[in-house]
Amino acid sequence: YGRAETDEFNNVICTVGEHDESKPTLLLDAHLD
């Protein structure tokens, strides 16, 4: 669904689709541990 990467803390972060600078950014969080 977008650009996904795992950081050094084992968080997985995904930027979904193309971002529009005129729109606010919504963070959807769920924990994987």
Full PDB file with SEQRES, HELIX, SHEET, SSBOND, CRYST1, ORIGX, SCALE, CONECT and MASTER records, all heavy atoms in Angstrom:
SEQRES   1 A   33  TYR GLY ARG ALA GLU THR ASP GLU PHE ASN ASN VAL ILE          
SEQRES   2 A   33  CYS THR VAL GLY GLU HIS ASP GLU SER LYS PRO THR LEU          
SEQRES   3 A   33  LEU LEU ASP ALA HIS LEU ASP                                  
SHEET    1 AA1 2 GLY A   2  THR A   6  0                                        
SHEET    2 AA1 2 VAL A  12  VAL A  16 -1                                        
CRYST1    1.000    1.000    1.000  90.00  90.00  90.00 P 1           1          
ORIGX1      1.000000  0.000000  0.000000        0.00000                         
ORIGX2      0.000000  1.000000  0.000000        0.00000                         
ORIGX3      0.000000  0.000000  1.000000        0.00000                         
SCALE1      1.000000  0.000000  0.000000        0.00000                         
SCALE2      0.000000  1.000000  0.000000        0.00000                         
SCALE3      0.000000  0.000000  1.000000        0.00000                         
ATOM      1  N   TYR A   1       0.805  -1.221   0.000  1.00  0.00           N  
ATOM      2  CA  TYR A   1       0.000   0.000   0.000  1.00  0.00           C  
ATOM      3  C   TYR A   1       0.839   1.272   0.000  1.00  0.00           C  
ATOM      4  O   TYR A   1       0.274   2.368  -0.074  1.00  0.00           O  
ATOM      5  CB  TYR A   1      -0.926  -0.003   1.223  1.00  0.00           C  
ATOM      6  CG  TYR A   1      -1.714  -1.279   1.332  1.00  0.00           C  
ATOM      7  CD1 TYR A   1      -1.367  -2.250   2.268  1.00  0.00           C  
ATOM      8  CD2 TYR A   1      -2.770  -1.540   0.468  1.00  0.00           C  
ATOM      9  CE1 TYR A   1      -2.072  -3.438   2.348  1.00  0.00           C  
ATOM     10  CE2 TYR A   1      -3.481  -2.733   0.544  1.00  0.00           C  
ATOM     11  CZ  TYR A   1      -3.123  -3.679   1.484  1.00  0.00           C  
ATOM     12  OH  TYR A   1      -3.813  -4.866   1.553  1.00  0.00           O  
ATOM     13  N   GLY A   2       2.152   1.146   0.077  1.00  0.00           N  
ATOM     14  CA  GLY A   2       2.992   2.335   0.073  1.00  0.00           C  
ATOM     15  C   GLY A   2       4.423   1.998   0.424  1.00  0.00           C  
ATOM     16  O   GLY A   2       4.846   0.837   0.379  1.00  0.00           O  
ATOM     17  N   ARG A   3       5.177   3.008   0.790  1.00  0.00           N  
ATOM     18  CA  ARG A   3       6.590   2.838   1.143  1.00  0.00           C  
ATOM     19  C   ARG A   3       6.682   2.418   2.612  1.00  0.00           C  
ATOM     20  O   ARG A   3       6.382   3.221   3.514  1.00  0.00           O  
ATOM     21  CB  ARG A   3       7.356   4.143   0.899  1.00  0.00           C  
ATOM     22  CG  ARG A   3       7.299   4.616  -0.537  1.00  0.00           C  
ATOM     23  CD  ARG A   3       8.124   5.869  -0.777  1.00  0.00           C  
ATOM     24  NE  ARG A   3       7.685   6.992   0.040  1.00  0.00           N  
ATOM     25  CZ  ARG A   3       6.634   7.745  -0.242  1.00  0.00           C  
ATOM     26  NH1 ARG A   3       5.896   7.488  -1.314  1.00  0.00           N  
ATOM     27  NH2 ARG A   3       6.300   8.765   0.527  1.00  0.00           N  
ATOM     28  N   ALA A   4       7.096   1.200   2.845  1.00  0.00           N  
ATOM     29  CA  ALA A   4       7.158   0.655   4.202  1.00  0.00           C  
ATOM     30  C   ALA A   4       8.602   0.379   4.588  1.00  0.00           C  
ATOM     31  O   ALA A   4       9.405  -0.072   3.760  1.00  0.00           O  
ATOM     32  CB  ALA A   4       6.341  -0.628   4.309  1.00  0.00           C  
ATOM     33  N   GLU A   5       8.923   0.664   5.842  1.00  0.00           N  
ATOM     34  CA  GLU A   5      10.269   0.401   6.341  1.00  0.00           C  
ATOM     35  C   GLU A   5      10.204   0.075   7.829  1.00  0.00           C  
ATOM     36  O   GLU A   5       9.276   0.490   8.529  1.00  0.00           O  
ATOM     37  CB  GLU A   5      11.172   1.619   6.120  1.00  0.00           C  
ATOM     38  CG  GLU A   5      10.687   2.879   6.819  1.00  0.00           C  
ATOM     39  CD  GLU A   5      11.595   4.074   6.582  1.00  0.00           C  
ATOM     40  OE1 GLU A   5      12.563   3.931   5.809  1.00  0.00           O  
ATOM     41  OE2 GLU A   5      11.344   5.127   7.182  1.00  0.00           O  
ATOM     42  N   THR A   6      11.188  -0.676   8.284  1.00  0.00           N  
ATOM     43  CA  THR A   6      11.299  -1.034   9.700  1.00  0.00           C  
ATOM     44  C   THR A   6      12.481  -0.294  10.294  1.00  0.00           C  
ATOM     45  O   THR A   6      13.588  -0.346   9.752  1.00  0.00           O  
ATOM     46  CB  THR A   6      11.494  -2.550   9.873  1.00  0.00           C  
ATOM     47  OG1 THR A   6      10.395  -3.240   9.266  1.00  0.00           O  
ATOM     48  CG2 THR A   6      11.570  -2.926  11.347  1.00  0.00           C  
ATOM     49  N   ASP A   7      12.256   0.410  11.415  1.00  0.00           N  
ATOM     50  CA  ASP A   7      13.345   1.180  12.010  1.00  0.00           C  
ATOM     51  C   ASP A   7      14.120   0.343  13.022  1.00  0.00           C  
ATOM     52  O   ASP A   7      13.845  -0.852  13.219  1.00  0.00           O  
ATOM     53  CB  ASP A   7      12.818   2.481  12.630  1.00  0.00           C  
ATOM     54  CG  ASP A   7      11.933   2.257  13.860  1.00  0.00           C  
ATOM     55  OD1 ASP A   7      11.922   1.142  14.426  1.00  0.00           O  
ATOM     56  OD2 ASP A   7      11.243   3.218  14.265  1.00  0.00           O  
ATOM     57  N   GLU A   8      15.091   0.952  13.681  1.00  0.00           N  
ATOM     58  CA  GLU A   8      15.952   0.236  14.619  1.00  0.00           C  
ATOM     59  C   GLU A   8      15.197  -0.237  15.858  1.00  0.00           C  
ATOM     60  O   GLU A   8      15.678  -1.083  16.608  1.00  0.00           O  
ATOM     61  CB  GLU A   8      17.119   1.146  15.045  1.00  0.00           C  
ATOM     62  CG  GLU A   8      18.114   1.443  13.940  1.00  0.00           C  
ATOM     63  CD  GLU A   8      18.782   0.179  13.430  1.00  0.00           C  
ATOM     64  OE1 GLU A   8      19.119  -0.694  14.246  1.00  0.00           O  
ATOM     65  OE2 GLU A   8      18.940   0.052  12.205  1.00  0.00           O  
ATOM     66  N   PHE A   9      13.997   0.283  16.065  1.00  0.00           N  
ATOM     67  CA  PHE A   9      13.194  -0.068  17.232  1.00  0.00           C  
ATOM     68  C   PHE A   9      12.176  -1.157  16.920  1.00  0.00           C  
ATOM     69  O   PHE A   9      11.332  -1.472  17.746  1.00  0.00           O  
ATOM     70  CB  PHE A   9      12.473   1.199  17.722  1.00  0.00           C  
ATOM     71  CG  PHE A   9      12.695   1.493  19.178  1.00  0.00           C  
ATOM     72  CD1 PHE A   9      13.963   1.517  19.723  1.00  0.00           C  
ATOM     73  CD2 PHE A   9      11.625   1.762  20.017  1.00  0.00           C  
ATOM     74  CE1 PHE A   9      14.168   1.797  21.059  1.00  0.00           C  
ATOM     75  CE2 PHE A   9      11.816   2.048  21.357  1.00  0.00           C  
ATOM     76  CZ  PHE A   9      13.089   2.066  21.879  1.00  0.00           C  
ATOM     77  N   ASN A  10      12.234  -1.693  15.686  1.00  0.00           N  
ATOM     78  CA  ASN A  10      11.273  -2.681  15.184  1.00  0.00           C  
ATOM     79  C   ASN A  10       9.882  -2.090  14.958  1.00  0.00           C  
ATOM     80  O   ASN A  10       8.889  -2.820  14.883  1.00  0.00           O  
ATOM     81  CB  ASN A  10      11.163  -3.907  16.101  1.00  0.00           C  
ATOM     82  CG  ASN A  10      12.398  -4.770  16.074  1.00  0.00           C  
ATOM     83  OD1 ASN A  10      13.075  -4.864  15.041  1.00  0.00           O  
ATOM     84  ND2 ASN A  10      12.730  -5.393  17.189  1.00  0.00           N  
ATOM     85  N   ASN A  11       9.791  -0.762  14.865  1.00  0.00           N  
ATOM     86  CA  ASN A  11       8.559  -0.147  14.386  1.00  0.00           C  
ATOM     87  C   ASN A  11       8.493  -0.290  12.874  1.00  0.00           C  
ATOM     88  O   ASN A  11       9.501  -0.113  12.178  1.00  0.00           O  
ATOM     89  CB  ASN A  11       8.540   1.355  14.701  1.00  0.00           C  
ATOM     90  CG  ASN A  11       8.459   1.646  16.183  1.00  0.00           C  
ATOM     91  OD1 ASN A  11       7.581   1.166  16.870  1.00  0.00           O  
ATOM     92  ND2 ASN A  11       9.398   2.454  16.677  1.00  0.00           N  
ATOM     93  N   VAL A  12       7.304  -0.587  12.351  1.00  0.00           N  
ATOM     94  CA  VAL A  12       7.096  -0.610  10.904  1.00  0.00           C  
ATOM     95  C   VAL A  12       6.255   0.613  10.538  1.00  0.00           C  
ATOM     96  O   VAL A  12       5.149   0.780  11.048  1.00  0.00           O  
ATOM     97  CB  VAL A  12       6.393  -1.897  10.444  1.00  0.00           C  
ATOM     98  CG1 VAL A  12       6.266  -1.914   8.921  1.00  0.00           C  
ATOM     99  CG2 VAL A  12       7.161  -3.129  10.912  1.00  0.00           C  
ATOM    100  N   ILE A  13       6.805   1.462   9.676  1.00  0.00           N  
ATOM    101  CA  ILE A  13       6.154   2.711   9.288  1.00  0.00           C  
ATOM    102  C   ILE A  13       5.882   2.688   7.796  1.00  0.00           C  
ATOM    103  O   ILE A  13       6.774   2.373   7.004  1.00  0.00           O  
ATOM    104  CB  ILE A  13       7.030   3.928   9.642  1.00  0.00           C  
ATOM    105  CG1 ILE A  13       7.329   3.953  11.151  1.00  0.00           C  
ATOM    106  CG2 ILE A  13       6.360   5.230   9.201  1.00  0.00           C  
ATOM    107  CD1 ILE A  13       8.380   4.971  11.551  1.00  0.00           C  
ATOM    108  N   CYS A  14       4.652   2.997   7.417  1.00  0.00           N  
ATOM    109  CA  CYS A  14       4.276   2.992   5.998  1.00  0.00           C  
ATOM    110  C   CYS A  14       3.668   4.329   5.618  1.00  0.00           C  
ATOM    111  O   CYS A  14       2.734   4.813   6.283  1.00  0.00           O  
ATOM    112  CB  CYS A  14       3.282   1.868   5.720  1.00  0.00           C  
ATOM    113  SG  CYS A  14       2.728   1.786   3.997  1.00  0.00           S  
ATOM    114  N   THR A  15       4.184   4.924   4.567  1.00  0.00           N  
ATOM    115  CA  THR A  15       3.592   6.107   3.952  1.00  0.00           C  
ATOM    116  C   THR A  15       2.691   5.611   2.832  1.00  0.00           C  
ATOM    117  O   THR A  15       3.166   5.079   1.828  1.00  0.00           O  
ATOM    118  CB  THR A  15       4.667   7.046   3.387  1.00  0.00           C  
ATOM    119  OG1 THR A  15       5.556   7.427   4.447  1.00  0.00           O  
ATOM    120  CG2 THR A  15       4.049   8.286   2.766  1.00  0.00           C  
ATOM    121  N   VAL A  16       1.386   5.736   3.027  1.00  0.00           N  
ATOM    122  CA  VAL A  16       0.420   5.141   2.104  1.00  0.00           C  
ATOM    123  C   VAL A  16       0.202   6.054   0.908  1.00  0.00           C  
ATOM    124  O   VAL A  16      -0.170   7.232   1.056  1.00  0.00           O  
ATOM    125  CB  VAL A  16      -0.920   4.875   2.814  1.00  0.00           C  
ATOM    126  CG1 VAL A  16      -1.941   4.276   1.842  1.00  0.00           C  
ATOM    127  CG2 VAL A  16      -0.713   3.944   3.999  1.00  0.00           C  
ATOM    128  N   GLY A  17       0.442   5.529  -0.302  1.00  0.00           N  
ATOM    129  CA  GLY A  17       0.190   6.275  -1.526  1.00  0.00           C  
ATOM    130  C   GLY A  17       1.012   7.546  -1.637  1.00  0.00           C  
ATOM    131  O   GLY A  17       2.041   7.720  -0.981  1.00  0.00           O  
ATOM    132  N   GLU A  18       0.534   8.446  -2.482  1.00  0.00           N  
ATOM    133  CA  GLU A  18       1.192   9.735  -2.676  1.00  0.00           C  
ATOM    134  C   GLU A  18       0.613  10.767  -1.714  1.00  0.00           C  
ATOM    135  O   GLU A  18      -0.604  10.829  -1.517  1.00  0.00           O  
ATOM    136  CB  GLU A  18       1.001  10.209  -4.112  1.00  0.00           C  
ATOM    137  CG  GLU A  18       1.647   9.306  -5.142  1.00  0.00           C  
ATOM    138  CD  GLU A  18       3.156   9.210  -4.982  1.00  0.00           C  
ATOM    139  OE1 GLU A  18       3.772  10.245  -4.631  1.00  0.00           O  
ATOM    140  OE2 GLU A  18       3.709   8.119  -5.190  1.00  0.00           O  
ATOM    141  N   HIS A  19       1.455  11.560  -1.096  1.00  0.00           N  
ATOM    142  CA  HIS A  19       0.992  12.543  -0.129  1.00  0.00           C  
ATOM    143  C   HIS A  19       0.772  13.908  -0.772  1.00  0.00           C  
ATOM    144  O   HIS A  19       1.549  14.365  -1.608  1.00  0.00           O  
ATOM    145  CB  HIS A  19       1.978  12.637   1.040  1.00  0.00           C  
ATOM    146  CG  HIS A  19       1.728  11.614   2.089  1.00  0.00           C  
ATOM    147  ND1 HIS A  19       1.908  11.848   3.432  1.00  0.00           N  
ATOM    148  CD2 HIS A  19       1.266  10.346   1.995  1.00  0.00           C  
ATOM    149  CE1 HIS A  19       1.588  10.764   4.121  1.00  0.00           C  
ATOM    150  NE2 HIS A  19       1.203   9.848   3.272  1.00  0.00           N  
ATOM    151  N   ASP A  20      -0.315  14.524  -0.341  1.00  0.00           N  
ATOM    152  CA  ASP A  20      -0.720  15.841  -0.812  1.00  0.00           C  
ATOM    153  C   ASP A  20      -0.456  16.842   0.309  1.00  0.00           C  
ATOM    154  O   ASP A  20      -1.041  16.745   1.393  1.00  0.00           O  
ATOM    155  CB  ASP A  20      -2.211  15.805  -1.171  1.00  0.00           C  
ATOM    156  CG  ASP A  20      -2.733  17.135  -1.709  1.00  0.00           C  
ATOM    157  OD1 ASP A  20      -2.052  18.157  -1.544  1.00  0.00           O  
ATOM    158  OD2 ASP A  20      -3.844  17.129  -2.268  1.00  0.00           O  
ATOM    159  N   GLU A  21       0.417  17.812   0.071  1.00  0.00           N  
ATOM    160  CA  GLU A  21       0.813  18.766   1.106  1.00  0.00           C  
ATOM    161  C   GLU A  21      -0.349  19.610   1.625  1.00  0.00           C  
ATOM    162  O   GLU A  21      -0.280  20.177   2.710  1.00  0.00           O  
ATOM    163  CB  GLU A  21       1.914  19.691   0.575  1.00  0.00           C  
ATOM    164  CG  GLU A  21       3.240  18.988   0.290  1.00  0.00           C  
ATOM    165  CD  GLU A  21       3.850  18.386   1.549  1.00  0.00           C  
ATOM    166  OE1 GLU A  21       3.694  18.993   2.638  1.00  0.00           O  
ATOM    167  OE2 GLU A  21       4.456  17.308   1.445  1.00  0.00           O  
ATOM    168  N   SER A  22      -1.437  19.679   0.866  1.00  0.00           N  
ATOM    169  CA  SER A  22      -2.585  20.479   1.296  1.00  0.00           C  
ATOM    170  C   SER A  22      -3.487  19.734   2.283  1.00  0.00           C  
ATOM    171  O   SER A  22      -4.397  20.328   2.859  1.00  0.00           O  
ATOM    172  CB  SER A  22      -3.418  20.897   0.076  1.00  0.00           C  
ATOM    173  OG  SER A  22      -4.026  19.759  -0.539  1.00  0.00           O  
ATOM    174  N   LYS A  23      -3.243  18.436   2.477  1.00  0.00           N  
ATOM    175  CA  LYS A  23      -4.083  17.629   3.363  1.00  0.00           C  
ATOM    176  C   LYS A  23      -3.371  17.374   4.696  1.00  0.00           C  
ATOM    177  O   LYS A  23      -2.146  17.222   4.735  1.00  0.00           O  
ATOM    178  CB  LYS A  23      -4.404  16.278   2.719  1.00  0.00           C  
ATOM    179  CG  LYS A  23      -5.248  16.335   1.467  1.00  0.00           C  
ATOM    180  CD  LYS A  23      -5.471  14.934   0.922  1.00  0.00           C  
ATOM    181  CE  LYS A  23      -6.319  14.941  -0.337  1.00  0.00           C  
ATOM    182  NZ  LYS A  23      -6.518  13.566  -0.868  1.00  0.00           N  
ATOM    183  N   PRO A  24      -4.138  17.276   5.802  1.00  0.00           N  
ATOM    184  CA  PRO A  24      -3.528  16.874   7.073  1.00  0.00           C  
ATOM    185  C   PRO A  24      -3.136  15.401   7.034  1.00  0.00           C  
ATOM    186  O   PRO A  24      -3.675  14.623   6.245  1.00  0.00           O  
ATOM    187  CB  PRO A  24      -4.642  17.122   8.097  1.00  0.00           C  
ATOM    188  CG  PRO A  24      -5.911  17.073   7.305  1.00  0.00           C  
ATOM    189  CD  PRO A  24      -5.573  17.563   5.931  1.00  0.00           C  
ATOM    190  N   THR A  25      -2.200  15.029   7.895  1.00  0.00           N  
ATOM    191  CA  THR A  25      -1.723  13.643   7.943  1.00  0.00           C  
ATOM    192  C   THR A  25      -2.339  12.915   9.125  1.00  0.00           C  
ATOM    193  O   THR A  25      -2.254  13.364  10.272  1.00  0.00           O  
ATOM    194  CB  THR A  25      -0.183  13.601   8.052  1.00  0.00           C  
ATOM    195  OG1 THR A  25       0.381  14.155   6.862  1.00  0.00           O  
ATOM    196  CG2 THR A  25       0.314  12.171   8.217  1.00  0.00           C  
ATOM    197  N   LEU A  26      -2.967  11.796   8.824  1.00  0.00           N  
ATOM    198  CA  LEU A  26      -3.577  10.927   9.831  1.00  0.00           C  
ATOM    199  C   LEU A  26      -2.641   9.760  10.118  1.00  0.00           C  
ATOM    200  O   LEU A  26      -2.206   9.066   9.189  1.00  0.00           O  
ATOM    201  CB  LEU A  26      -4.919  10.406   9.327  1.00  0.00           C  
ATOM    202  CG  LEU A  26      -5.549   9.238  10.096  1.00  0.00           C  
ATOM    203  CD1 LEU A  26      -5.931   9.648  11.510  1.00  0.00           C  
ATOM    204  CD2 LEU A  26      -6.764   8.685   9.340  1.00  0.00           C  
ATOM    205  N   LEU A  27      -2.336   9.544  11.383  1.00  0.00           N  
ATOM    206  CA  LEU A  27      -1.548   8.389  11.809  1.00  0.00           C  
ATOM    207  C   LEU A  27      -2.485   7.296  12.308  1.00  0.00           C  
ATOM    208  O   LEU A  27      -3.295   7.518  13.209  1.00  0.00           O  
ATOM    209  CB  LEU A  27      -0.577   8.789  12.924  1.00  0.00           C  
ATOM    210  CG  LEU A  27       0.150   7.647  13.652  1.00  0.00           C  
ATOM    211  CD1 LEU A  27       1.007   6.845  12.683  1.00  0.00           C  
ATOM    212  CD2 LEU A  27       0.987   8.181  14.806  1.00  0.00           C  
ATOM    213  N   LEU A  28      -2.387   6.109  11.712  1.00  0.00           N  
ATOM    214  CA  LEU A  28      -3.110   4.930  12.178  1.00  0.00           C  
ATOM    215  C   LEU A  28      -2.101   4.020  12.875  1.00  0.00           C  
ATOM    216  O   LEU A  28      -1.164   3.514  12.240  1.00  0.00           O  
ATOM    217  CB  LEU A  28      -3.764   4.195  11.008  1.00  0.00           C  
ATOM    218  CG  LEU A  28      -4.834   4.961  10.224  1.00  0.00           C  
ATOM    219  CD1 LEU A  28      -5.269   4.152   9.001  1.00  0.00           C  
ATOM    220  CD2 LEU A  28      -6.025   5.273  11.114  1.00  0.00           C  
ATOM    221  N   ASP A  29      -2.294   3.809  14.171  1.00  0.00           N  
ATOM    222  CA  ASP A  29      -1.346   3.020  14.957  1.00  0.00           C  
ATOM    223  C   ASP A  29      -1.994   1.741  15.465  1.00  0.00           C  
ATOM    224  O   ASP A  29      -3.150   1.742  15.897  1.00  0.00           O  
ATOM    225  CB  ASP A  29      -0.856   3.833  16.158  1.00  0.00           C  
ATOM    226  CG  ASP A  29      -0.135   2.958  17.185  1.00  0.00           C  
ATOM    227  OD1 ASP A  29       1.034   2.605  16.943  1.00  0.00           O  
ATOM    228  OD2 ASP A  29      -0.768   2.606  18.200  1.00  0.00           O  
ATOM    229  N   ALA A  30      -1.240   0.643  15.399  1.00  0.00           N  
ATOM    230  CA  ALA A  30      -1.583  -0.599  16.097  1.00  0.00           C  
ATOM    231  C   ALA A  30      -0.253  -1.229  16.502  1.00  0.00           C  
ATOM    232  O   ALA A  30       0.732  -1.110  15.767  1.00  0.00           O  
ATOM    233  CB  ALA A  30      -2.380  -1.551  15.202  1.00  0.00           C  
ATOM    234  N   HIS A  31      -0.199  -1.863  17.643  1.00  0.00           N  
ATOM    235  CA  HIS A  31       1.102  -2.408  18.055  1.00  0.00           C  
ATOM    236  C   HIS A  31       1.247  -3.865  17.615  1.00  0.00           C  
ATOM    237  O   HIS A  31       0.282  -4.625  17.577  1.00  0.00           O  
ATOM    238  CB  HIS A  31       1.331  -2.233  19.557  1.00  0.00           C  
ATOM    239  CG  HIS A  31       0.488  -3.066  20.471  1.00  0.00           C  
ATOM    240  ND1 HIS A  31       0.848  -4.332  20.871  1.00  0.00           N  
ATOM    241  CD2 HIS A  31      -0.682  -2.798  21.104  1.00  0.00           C  
ATOM    242  CE1 HIS A  31      -0.058  -4.809  21.702  1.00  0.00           C  
ATOM    243  NE2 HIS A  31      -1.006  -3.903  21.853  1.00  0.00           N  
ATOM    244  N   LEU A  32       2.481  -4.220  17.259  1.00  0.00           N  
ATOM    245  CA  LEU A  32       2.730  -5.554  16.716  1.00  0.00           C  
ATOM    246  C   LEU A  32       3.349  -6.519  17.722  1.00  0.00           C  
ATOM    247  O   LEU A  32       3.438  -7.722  17.461  1.00  0.00           O  
ATOM    248  CB  LEU A  32       3.612  -5.463  15.458  1.00  0.00           C  
ATOM    249  CG  LEU A  32       4.907  -4.646  15.487  1.00  0.00           C  
ATOM    250  CD1 LEU A  32       5.993  -5.293  16.292  1.00  0.00           C  
ATOM    251  CD2 LEU A  32       5.387  -4.399  14.056  1.00  0.00           C  
ATOM    252  N   ASP A  33       3.779  -6.030  18.895  1.00  0.00           N  
ATOM    253  CA  ASP A  33       4.394  -6.926  19.872  1.00  0.00           C  
ATOM    254  C   ASP A  33       3.326  -7.706  20.628  1.00  0.00           C  
ATOM    255  O   ASP A  33       2.141  -7.375  20.593  1.00  0.00           O  
ATOM    256  CB  ASP A  33       5.280  -6.146  20.847  1.00  0.00           C  
ATOM    257  CG  ASP A  33       4.508  -5.097  21.633  1.00  0.00           C  
ATOM    258  OD1 ASP A  33       3.705  -4.370  21.028  1.00  0.00           O  
ATOM    259  OD2 ASP A  33       4.699  -5.006  22.865  1.00  0.00           O  
TER     260      ASP A  33                                                      
MASTER        0    0    0    0    2    0    0    6  259    1    0    3          
END                                                                             
